[in-house]
Amino acid sequence: MALHPEAHPLAGQTVTIREGVTDPAQGAVVGGAHYRLEDWWDRITGKSWGDSRGNPACLQYAMRAVANGLFPDDEVVYGKVGAFGHLVHVSEIAED
């Protein structure tokens, strides 16, 4: 069962990643990047990102979360920077 019963309010929109966000693994999810937000990760997959063992986007997010001091909760969305999928914590989204 999904943790978020409704779609993220910015689902389907392109948002900007907040300044100061770094990405030690690939450099794609960084401050100023344009991110096409699809929806909450748990709504897309039916489970927490932390339970998605072996998923490349989740592994990269785990490394980024440590590097950026993010909370290990499920306030995580899935979307794309360019053609590649990434998880982003809602606190990393710039308020426009």
PDB file of N, CA and C in Angstrom:
ATOM      1  N   MET A   1       0.843  -1.183   0.000  1.00  0.00           N
ATOM      2  CA  MET A   1       0.000   0.000   0.000  1.00  0.00           C
ATOM      3  C   MET A   1       0.889   1.248   0.000  1.00  0.00           C
ATOM      4  N   ALA A   2       0.541   2.208  -0.823  1.00  0.00           N
ATOM      5  CA  ALA A   2       1.317   3.442  -0.938  1.00  0.00           C
ATOM      6  C   ALA A   2       1.178   4.287   0.328  1.00  0.00           C
ATOM      7  N   LEU A   3       2.238   4.984   0.663  1.00  0.00           N
ATOM      8  CA  LEU A   3       2.216   5.857   1.827  1.00  0.00           C
ATOM      9  C   LEU A   3       1.503   7.171   1.535  1.00  0.00           C
ATOM     10  N   HIS A   4       1.540   7.604   0.292  1.00  0.00           N
ATOM     11  CA  HIS A   4       0.872   8.855  -0.105  1.00  0.00           C
ATOM     12  C   HIS A   4      -0.380   8.496  -0.914  1.00  0.00           C
ATOM     13  N   PRO A   5      -1.561   8.761  -0.377  1.00  0.00           N
ATOM     14  CA  PRO A   5      -2.788   8.375  -1.076  1.00  0.00           C
ATOM     15  C   PRO A   5      -3.113   9.228  -2.302  1.00  0.00           C
ATOM     16  N   GLU A   6      -2.554  10.434  -2.370  1.00  0.00           N
ATOM     17  CA  GLU A   6      -2.843  11.322  -3.502  1.00  0.00           C
ATOM     18  C   GLU A   6      -1.568  11.716  -4.215  1.00  0.00           C
ATOM     19  N   ALA A   7      -1.700  12.088  -5.470  1.00  0.00           N
ATOM     20  CA  ALA A   7      -0.549  12.511  -6.266  1.00  0.00           C
ATOM     21  C   ALA A   7       0.121  13.739  -5.645  1.00  0.00           C
ATOM     22  N   HIS A   8       1.408  13.863  -5.874  1.00  0.00           N
ATOM     23  CA  HIS A   8       2.126  15.053  -5.413  1.00  0.00           C
ATOM     24  C   HIS A   8       1.519  16.266  -6.115  1.00  0.00           C
ATOM     25  N   PRO A   9       1.376  17.401  -5.426  1.00  0.00           N
ATOM     26  CA  PRO A   9       0.754  18.578  -6.050  1.00  0.00           C
ATOM     27  C   PRO A   9       1.486  19.099  -7.287  1.00  0.00           C
ATOM     28  N   LEU A  10       2.769  18.773  -7.432  1.00  0.00           N
ATOM     29  CA  LEU A  10       3.536  19.225  -8.600  1.00  0.00           C
ATOM     30  C   LEU A  10       3.747  18.113  -9.627  1.00  0.00           C
ATOM     31  N   ALA A  11       3.041  16.986  -9.482  1.00  0.00           N
ATOM     32  CA  ALA A  11       3.176  15.869 -10.414  1.00  0.00           C
ATOM     33  C   ALA A  11       2.893  16.332 -11.842  1.00  0.00           C
ATOM     34  N   GLY A  12       3.773  15.946 -12.750  1.00  0.00           N
ATOM     35  CA  GLY A  12       3.613  16.309 -14.155  1.00  0.00           C
ATOM     36  C   GLY A  12       4.223  17.652 -14.516  1.00  0.00           C
ATOM     37  N   GLN A  13       4.790  18.341 -13.537  1.00  0.00           N
ATOM     38  CA  GLN A  13       5.386  19.655 -13.797  1.00  0.00           C
ATOM     39  C   GLN A  13       6.908  19.582 -13.744  1.00  0.00           C
ATOM     40  N   THR A  14       7.542  20.554 -14.383  1.00  0.00           N
ATOM     41  CA  THR A  14       8.985  20.695 -14.282  1.00  0.00           C
ATOM     42  C   THR A  14       9.280  21.711 -13.196  1.00  0.00           C
ATOM     43  N   VAL A  15      10.127  21.306 -12.254  1.00  0.00           N
ATOM     44  CA  VAL A  15      10.497  22.154 -11.128  1.00  0.00           C
ATOM     45  C   VAL A  15      12.010  22.374 -11.176  1.00  0.00           C
ATOM     46  N   THR A  16      12.492  23.246 -10.315  1.00  0.00           N
ATOM     47  CA  THR A  16      13.925  23.526 -10.235  1.00  0.00           C
ATOM     48  C   THR A  16      14.457  22.975  -8.924  1.00  0.00           C
ATOM     49  N   ILE A  17      15.634  22.366  -9.008  1.00  0.00           N
ATOM     50  CA  ILE A  17      16.301  21.869  -7.808  1.00  0.00           C
ATOM     51  C   ILE A  17      16.899  23.056  -7.063  1.00  0.00           C
ATOM     52  N   ARG A  18      16.721  23.074  -5.755  1.00  0.00           N
ATOM     53  CA  ARG A  18      17.169  24.162  -4.886  1.00  0.00           C
ATOM     54  C   ARG A  18      18.684  24.335  -4.958  1.00  0.00           C
ATOM     55  N   GLU A  19      19.134  25.581  -4.932  1.00  0.00           N
ATOM     56  CA  GLU A  19      20.568  25.878  -4.917  1.00  0.00           C
ATOM     57  C   GLU A  19      21.216  25.244  -3.695  1.00  0.00           C
ATOM     58  N   GLY A  20      22.430  24.764  -3.865  1.00  0.00           N
ATOM     59  CA  GLY A  20      23.165  24.138  -2.783  1.00  0.00           C
ATOM     60  C   GLY A  20      23.090  22.624  -2.774  1.00  0.00           C
ATOM     61  N   VAL A  21      22.164  22.042  -3.552  1.00  0.00           N
ATOM     62  CA  VAL A  21      22.060  20.589  -3.630  1.00  0.00           C
ATOM     63  C   VAL A  21      23.230  20.069  -4.464  1.00  0.00           C
ATOM     64  N   THR A  22      23.879  19.028  -3.963  1.00  0.00           N
ATOM     65  CA  THR A  22      25.000  18.429  -4.686  1.00  0.00           C
ATOM     66  C   THR A  22      24.700  16.973  -5.000  1.00  0.00           C
ATOM     67  N   ASP A  23      25.408  16.440  -5.980  1.00  0.00           N
ATOM     68  CA  ASP A  23      25.235  15.053  -6.396  1.00  0.00           C
ATOM     69  C   ASP A  23      26.610  14.438  -6.622  1.00  0.00           C
ATOM     70  N   PRO A  24      27.170  13.790  -5.604  1.00  0.00           N
ATOM     71  CA  PRO A  24      28.518  13.242  -5.735  1.00  0.00           C
ATOM     72  C   PRO A  24      28.635  12.075  -6.718  1.00  0.00           C
ATOM     73  N   ALA A  25      27.539  11.410  -7.029  1.00  0.00           N
ATOM     74  CA  ALA A  25      27.604  10.228  -7.900  1.00  0.00           C
ATOM     75  C   ALA A  25      27.665  10.582  -9.379  1.00  0.00           C
ATOM     76  N   GLN A  26      26.711  11.366  -9.874  1.00  0.00           N
ATOM     77  CA  GLN A  26      26.641  11.645 -11.305  1.00  0.00           C
ATOM     78  C   GLN A  26      26.659  13.133 -11.629  1.00  0.00           C
ATOM     79  N   GLY A  27      26.312  13.948 -10.685  1.00  0.00           N
ATOM     80  CA  GLY A  27      26.277  15.376 -10.951  1.00  0.00           C
ATOM     81  C   GLY A  27      25.024  15.861 -11.657  1.00  0.00           C
ATOM     82  N   ALA A  28      23.970  15.033 -11.754  1.00  0.00           N
ATOM     83  CA  ALA A  28      22.761  15.427 -12.478  1.00  0.00           C
ATOM     84  C   ALA A  28      21.774  16.201 -11.599  1.00  0.00           C
ATOM     85  N   VAL A  29      21.602  15.759 -10.368  1.00  0.00           N
ATOM     86  CA  VAL A  29      20.657  16.417  -9.467  1.00  0.00           C
ATOM     87  C   VAL A  29      21.445  17.422  -8.631  1.00  0.00           C
ATOM     88  N   VAL A  30      21.561  18.620  -9.156  1.00  0.00           N
ATOM     89  CA  VAL A  30      22.306  19.689  -8.499  1.00  0.00           C
ATOM     90  C   VAL A  30      21.475  20.965  -8.533  1.00  0.00           C
ATOM     91  N   GLY A  31      21.857  21.909  -7.696  1.00  0.00           N
ATOM     92  CA  GLY A  31      21.143  23.174  -7.654  1.00  0.00           C
ATOM     93  C   GLY A  31      20.993  23.787  -9.033  1.00  0.00           C
ATOM     94  N   GLY A  32      19.770  24.206  -9.362  1.00  0.00           N
ATOM     95  CA  GLY A  32      19.470  24.835 -10.637  1.00  0.00           C
ATOM     96  C   GLY A  32      19.018  23.878 -11.723  1.00  0.00           C
ATOM     97  N   ALA A  33      19.151  22.565 -11.511  1.00  0.00           N
ATOM     98  CA  ALA A  33      18.734  21.588 -12.525  1.00  0.00           C
ATOM     99  C   ALA A  33      17.217  21.610 -12.693  1.00  0.00           C
ATOM    100  N   HIS A  34      16.756  21.357 -13.907  1.00  0.00           N
ATOM    101  CA  HIS A  34      15.329  21.245 -14.192  1.00  0.00           C
ATOM    102  C   HIS A  34      14.933  19.786 -14.044  1.00  0.00           C
ATOM    103  N   TYR A  35      13.911  19.557 -13.239  1.00  0.00           N
ATOM    104  CA  TYR A  35      13.499  18.209 -12.846  1.00  0.00           C
ATOM    105  C   TYR A  35      12.031  18.021 -13.191  1.00  0.00           C
ATOM    106  N   ARG A  36      11.745  17.043 -14.040  1.00  0.00           N
ATOM    107  CA  ARG A  36      10.360  16.729 -14.425  1.00  0.00           C
ATOM    108  C   ARG A  36       9.798  15.754 -13.398  1.00  0.00           C
ATOM    109  N   LEU A  37       9.009  16.261 -12.465  1.00  0.00           N
ATOM    110  CA  LEU A  37       8.492  15.487 -11.341  1.00  0.00           C
ATOM    111  C   LEU A  37       7.312  14.633 -11.804  1.00  0.00           C
ATOM    112  N   GLU A  38       7.442  13.316 -11.637  1.00  0.00           N
ATOM    113  CA  GLU A  38       6.355  12.417 -12.038  1.00  0.00           C
ATOM    114  C   GLU A  38       5.353  12.198 -10.910  1.00  0.00           C
ATOM    115  N   ASP A  39       5.824  11.785  -9.736  1.00  0.00           N
ATOM    116  CA  ASP A  39       4.933  11.587  -8.581  1.00  0.00           C
ATOM    117  C   ASP A  39       5.761  11.070  -7.408  1.00  0.00           C
ATOM    118  N   TRP A  40       5.071  10.863  -6.291  1.00  0.00           N
ATOM    119  CA  TRP A  40       5.714  10.262  -5.128  1.00  0.00           C
ATOM    120  C   TRP A  40       6.272   8.906  -5.524  1.00  0.00           C
ATOM    121  N   TRP A  41       7.457   8.566  -5.040  1.00  0.00           N
ATOM    122  CA  TRP A  41       8.067   7.262  -5.341  1.00  0.00           C
ATOM    123  C   TRP A  41       7.152   6.125  -4.884  1.00  0.00           C
ATOM    124  N   ASP A  42       6.588   6.231  -3.688  1.00  0.00           N
ATOM    125  CA  ASP A  42       5.775   5.129  -3.182  1.00  0.00           C
ATOM    126  C   ASP A  42       4.471   4.956  -3.963  1.00  0.00           C
ATOM    127  N   ARG A  43       3.971   5.988  -4.583  1.00  0.00           N
ATOM    128  CA  ARG A  43       2.775   5.854  -5.432  1.00  0.00           C
ATOM    129  C   ARG A  43       3.127   5.153  -6.739  1.00  0.00           C
ATOM    130  N   ILE A  44       4.319   5.394  -7.242  1.00  0.00           N
ATOM    131  CA  ILE A  44       4.734   4.781  -8.504  1.00  0.00           C
ATOM    132  C   ILE A  44       5.058   3.301  -8.317  1.00  0.00           C
ATOM    133  N   THR A  45       5.748   2.984  -7.215  1.00  0.00           N
ATOM    134  CA  THR A  45       6.232   1.612  -7.024  1.00  0.00           C
ATOM    135  C   THR A  45       5.441   0.797  -6.012  1.00  0.00           C
ATOM    136  N   GLY A  46       4.657   1.465  -5.158  1.00  0.00           N
ATOM    137  CA  GLY A  46       3.903   0.752  -4.140  1.00  0.00           C
ATOM    138  C   GLY A  46       4.705   0.432  -2.891  1.00  0.00           C
ATOM    139  N   LYS A  47       5.918   1.006  -2.802  1.00  0.00           N
ATOM    140  CA  LYS A  47       6.734   0.760  -1.612  1.00  0.00           C
ATOM    141  C   LYS A  47       7.695   1.918  -1.381  1.00  0.00           C
ATOM    142  N   SER A  48       8.270   1.923  -0.196  1.00  0.00           N
ATOM    143  CA  SER A  48       9.243   2.939   0.184  1.00  0.00           C
ATOM    144  C   SER A  48      10.498   2.833  -0.672  1.00  0.00           C
ATOM    145  N   TRP A  49      11.171   3.956  -0.884  1.00  0.00           N
ATOM    146  CA  TRP A  49      12.442   3.912  -1.619  1.00  0.00           C
ATOM    147  C   TRP A  49      13.447   3.052  -0.862  1.00  0.00           C
ATOM    148  N   GLY A  50      13.390   3.038   0.461  1.00  0.00           N
ATOM    149  CA  GLY A  50      14.313   2.256   1.277  1.00  0.00           C
ATOM    150  C   GLY A  50      14.112   0.755   1.150  1.00  0.00           C
ATOM    151  N   ASP A  51      12.952   0.342   0.655  1.00  0.00           N
ATOM    152  CA  ASP A  51      12.664  -1.074   0.447  1.00  0.00           C
ATOM    153  C   ASP A  51      12.900  -1.499  -0.997  1.00  0.00           C
ATOM    154  N   SER A  52      13.382  -0.589  -1.820  1.00  0.00           N
ATOM    155  CA  SER A  52      13.587  -0.863  -3.243  1.00  0.00           C
ATOM    156  C   SER A  52      15.030  -1.302  -3.486  1.00  0.00           C
ATOM    157  N   ARG A  53      15.385  -2.406  -2.913  1.00  0.00           N
ATOM    158  CA  ARG A  53      16.750  -2.918  -2.963  1.00  0.00           C
ATOM    159  C   ARG A  53      17.224  -3.142  -4.396  1.00  0.00           C
ATOM    160  N   GLY A  54      18.419  -2.663  -4.691  1.00  0.00           N
ATOM    161  CA  GLY A  54      19.033  -2.873  -5.999  1.00  0.00           C
ATOM    162  C   GLY A  54      18.596  -1.903  -7.078  1.00  0.00           C
ATOM    163  N   ASN A  55      17.647  -1.039  -6.795  1.00  0.00           N
ATOM    164  CA  ASN A  55      17.192  -0.078  -7.796  1.00  0.00           C
ATOM    165  C   ASN A  55      18.249   1.021  -7.930  1.00  0.00           C
ATOM    166  N   PRO A  56      18.770   1.264  -9.140  1.00  0.00           N
ATOM    167  CA  PRO A  56      19.837   2.252  -9.317  1.00  0.00           C
ATOM    168  C   PRO A  56      19.460   3.666  -8.858  1.00  0.00           C
ATOM    169  N   ALA A  57      18.237   4.095  -9.112  1.00  0.00           N
ATOM    170  CA  ALA A  57      17.817   5.444  -8.695  1.00  0.00           C
ATOM    171  C   ALA A  57      17.802   5.538  -7.172  1.00  0.00           C
ATOM    172  N   CYS A  58      17.381   4.475  -6.500  1.00  0.00           N
ATOM    173  CA  CYS A  58      17.343   4.474  -5.035  1.00  0.00           C
ATOM    174  C   CYS A  58      18.749   4.432  -4.445  1.00  0.00           C
ATOM    175  N   LEU A  59      19.634   3.666  -5.068  1.00  0.00           N
ATOM    176  CA  LEU A  59      21.020   3.608  -4.593  1.00  0.00           C
ATOM    177  C   LEU A  59      21.698   4.966  -4.725  1.00  0.00           C
ATOM    178  N   GLN A  60      21.480   5.628  -5.866  1.00  0.00           N
ATOM    179  CA  GLN A  60      22.068   6.946  -6.054  1.00  0.00           C
ATOM    180  C   GLN A  60      21.470   7.938  -5.054  1.00  0.00           C
ATOM    181  N   TYR A  61      20.163   7.847  -4.836  1.00  0.00           N
ATOM    182  CA  TYR A  61      19.516   8.743  -3.882  1.00  0.00           C
ATOM    183  C   TYR A  61      20.088   8.533  -2.477  1.00  0.00           C
ATOM    184  N   ALA A  62      20.315   7.292  -2.089  1.00  0.00           N
ATOM    185  CA  ALA A  62      20.861   7.009  -0.757  1.00  0.00           C
ATOM    186  C   ALA A  62      22.213   7.703  -0.584  1.00  0.00           C
ATOM    187  N   MET A  63      23.058   7.669  -1.611  1.00  0.00           N
ATOM    188  CA  MET A  63      24.366   8.345  -1.533  1.00  0.00           C
ATOM    189  C   MET A  63      24.192   9.856  -1.458  1.00  0.00           C
ATOM    190  N   ARG A  64      23.288  10.395  -2.264  1.00  0.00           N
ATOM    191  CA  ARG A  64      23.025  11.828  -2.254  1.00  0.00           C
ATOM    192  C   ARG A  64      22.426  12.276  -0.929  1.00  0.00           C
ATOM    193  N   ALA A  65      21.554  11.444  -0.371  1.00  0.00           N
ATOM    194  CA  ALA A  65      20.901  11.779   0.900  1.00  0.00           C
ATOM    195  C   ALA A  65      21.938  11.940   2.005  1.00  0.00           C
ATOM    196  N   VAL A  66      22.907  11.049   2.034  1.00  0.00           N
ATOM    197  CA  VAL A  66      23.970  11.148   3.043  1.00  0.00           C
ATOM    198  C   VAL A  66      24.800  12.405   2.791  1.00  0.00           C
ATOM    199  N   ALA A  67      25.179  12.639   1.544  1.00  0.00           N
ATOM    200  CA  ALA A  67      26.026  13.791   1.206  1.00  0.00           C
ATOM    201  C   ALA A  67      25.339  15.123   1.498  1.00  0.00           C
ATOM    202  N   ASN A  68      24.010  15.156   1.391  1.00  0.00           N
ATOM    203  CA  ASN A  68      23.264  16.397   1.579  1.00  0.00           C
ATOM    204  C   ASN A  68      22.554  16.474   2.934  1.00  0.00           C
ATOM    205  N   GLY A  69      22.746  15.480   3.792  1.00  0.00           N
ATOM    206  CA  GLY A  69      22.135  15.492   5.117  1.00  0.00           C
ATOM    207  C   GLY A  69      20.617  15.450   5.087  1.00  0.00           C
ATOM    208  N   LEU A  70      20.052  14.661   4.171  1.00  0.00           N
ATOM    209  CA  LEU A  70      18.591  14.577   4.052  1.00  0.00           C
ATOM    210  C   LEU A  70      18.010  13.608   5.075  1.00  0.00           C
ATOM    211  N   PHE A  71      16.761  13.863   5.469  1.00  0.00           N
ATOM    212  CA  PHE A  71      16.067  12.970   6.380  1.00  0.00           C
ATOM    213  C   PHE A  71      15.783  11.643   5.675  1.00  0.00           C
ATOM    214  N   PRO A  72      15.915  10.519   6.374  1.00  0.00           N
ATOM    215  CA  PRO A  72      15.645   9.215   5.749  1.00  0.00           C
ATOM    216  C   PRO A  72      14.153   8.860   5.796  1.00  0.00           C
ATOM    217  N   ASP A  73      13.313   9.748   5.279  1.00  0.00           N
ATOM    218  CA  ASP A  73      11.872   9.496   5.292  1.00  0.00           C
ATOM    219  C   ASP A  73      11.381   9.200   3.877  1.00  0.00           C
ATOM    220  N   ASP A  74      10.080   9.145   3.710  1.00  0.00           N
ATOM    221  CA  ASP A  74       9.506   8.837   2.403  1.00  0.00           C
ATOM    222  C   ASP A  74       8.909  10.053   1.708  1.00  0.00           C
ATOM    223  N   GLU A  75       9.409  11.226   2.030  1.00  0.00           N
ATOM    224  CA  GLU A  75       8.976  12.443   1.338  1.00  0.00           C
ATOM    225  C   GLU A  75       9.836  12.595   0.086  1.00  0.00           C
ATOM    226  N   VAL A  76       9.763  11.574  -0.759  1.00  0.00           N
ATOM    227  CA  VAL A  76      10.638  11.426  -1.918  1.00  0.00           C
ATOM    228  C   VAL A  76       9.792  11.265  -3.174  1.00  0.00           C
ATOM    229  N   VAL A  77      10.173  11.998  -4.201  1.00  0.00           N
ATOM    230  CA  VAL A  77       9.476  11.925  -5.481  1.00  0.00           C
ATOM    231  C   VAL A  77      10.410  11.346  -6.547  1.00  0.00           C
ATOM    232  N   TYR A  78       9.792  10.851  -7.600  1.00  0.00           N
ATOM    233  CA  TYR A  78      10.548  10.337  -8.750  1.00  0.00           C
ATOM    234  C   TYR A  78      10.310  11.262  -9.929  1.00  0.00           C
ATOM    235  N   GLY A  79      11.356  11.478 -10.693  1.00  0.00           N
ATOM    236  CA  GLY A  79      11.239  12.292 -11.897  1.00  0.00           C
ATOM    237  C   GLY A  79      12.512  12.177 -12.711  1.00  0.00           C
ATOM    238  N   LYS A  80      12.663  13.054 -13.677  1.00  0.00           N
ATOM    239  CA  LYS A  80      13.806  12.958 -14.581  1.00  0.00           C
ATOM    240  C   LYS A  80      14.522  14.282 -14.747  1.00  0.00           C
ATOM    241  N   VAL A  81      15.831  14.176 -14.829  1.00  0.00           N
ATOM    242  CA  VAL A  81      16.688  15.267 -15.275  1.00  0.00           C
ATOM    243  C   VAL A  81      17.190  14.785 -16.626  1.00  0.00           C
ATOM    244  N   GLY A  82      16.764  15.432 -17.691  1.00  0.00           N
ATOM    245  CA  GLY A  82      17.065  14.912 -19.023  1.00  0.00           C
ATOM    246  C   GLY A  82      16.330  13.599 -19.218  1.00  0.00           C
ATOM    247  N   ALA A  83      17.048  12.573 -19.673  1.00  0.00           N
ATOM    248  CA  ALA A  83      16.435  11.269 -19.936  1.00  0.00           C
ATOM    249  C   ALA A  83      16.538  10.301 -18.769  1.00  0.00           C
ATOM    250  N   PHE A  84      17.223  10.696 -17.697  1.00  0.00           N
ATOM    251  CA  PHE A  84      17.505   9.768 -16.612  1.00  0.00           C
ATOM    252  C   PHE A  84      16.650  10.027 -15.374  1.00  0.00           C
ATOM    253  N   GLY A  85      16.155   8.937 -14.773  1.00  0.00           N
ATOM    254  CA  GLY A  85      15.307   9.018 -13.599  1.00  0.00           C
ATOM    255  C   GLY A  85      16.101   9.177 -12.319  1.00  0.00           C
ATOM    256  N   HIS A  86      15.561   9.993 -11.418  1.00  0.00           N
ATOM    257  CA  HIS A  86      16.206  10.266 -10.140  1.00  0.00           C
ATOM    258  C   HIS A  86      15.152  10.445  -9.058  1.00  0.00           C
ATOM    259  N   LEU A  87      15.526  10.113  -7.831  1.00  0.00           N
ATOM    260  CA  LEU A  87      14.709  10.423  -6.675  1.00  0.00           C
ATOM    261  C   LEU A  87      15.189  11.734  -6.074  1.00  0.00           C
ATOM    262  N   VAL A  88      14.241  12.522  -5.603  1.00  0.00           N
ATOM    263  CA  VAL A  88      14.545  13.818  -5.000  1.00  0.00           C
ATOM    264  C   VAL A  88      13.696  13.956  -3.743  1.00  0.00           C
ATOM    265  N   HIS A  89      14.308  14.421  -2.672  1.00  0.00           N
ATOM    266  CA  HIS A  89      13.558  14.715  -1.456  1.00  0.00           C
ATOM    267  C   HIS A  89      12.825  16.032  -1.684  1.00  0.00           C
ATOM    268  N   VAL A  90      11.615  16.162  -1.158  1.00  0.00           N
ATOM    269  CA  VAL A  90      10.832  17.366  -1.407  1.00  0.00           C
ATOM    270  C   VAL A  90      11.544  18.636  -0.909  1.00  0.00           C
ATOM    271  N   SER A  91      12.417  18.497   0.070  1.00  0.00           N
ATOM    272  CA  SER A  91      13.152  19.661   0.568  1.00  0.00           C
ATOM    273  C   SER A  91      14.190  20.165  -0.438  1.00  0.00           C
ATOM    274  N   GLU A  92      14.466  19.383  -1.462  1.00  0.00           N
ATOM    275  CA  GLU A  92      15.447  19.792  -2.478  1.00  0.00           C
ATOM    276  C   GLU A  92      14.809  20.567  -3.633  1.00  0.00           C
ATOM    277  N   ILE A  93      13.495  20.712  -3.612  1.00  0.00           N
ATOM    278  CA  ILE A  93      12.790  21.428  -4.667  1.00  0.00           C
ATOM    279  C   ILE A  93      12.696  22.895  -4.307  1.00  0.00           C
ATOM    280  N   ALA A  94      13.122  23.741  -5.243  1.00  0.00           N
ATOM    281  CA  ALA A  94      13.076  25.190  -5.021  1.00  0.00           C
ATOM    282  C   ALA A  94      11.633  25.661  -5.016  1.00  0.00           C
ATOM    283  N   GLU A  95      11.339  26.602  -4.159  1.00  0.00           N
ATOM    284  CA  GLU A  95      10.009  27.203  -4.137  1.00  0.00           C
ATOM    285  C   GLU A  95       9.992  28.362  -5.109  1.00  0.00           C
ATOM    286  N   ASP A  96       9.161  28.237  -6.134  1.00  0.00           N
ATOM    287  CA  ASP A  96       9.069  29.293  -7.160  1.00  0.00           C
ATOM    288  C   ASP A  96       8.029  30.319  -6.813  1.00  0.00           C
TER     289      ASP A  96
END
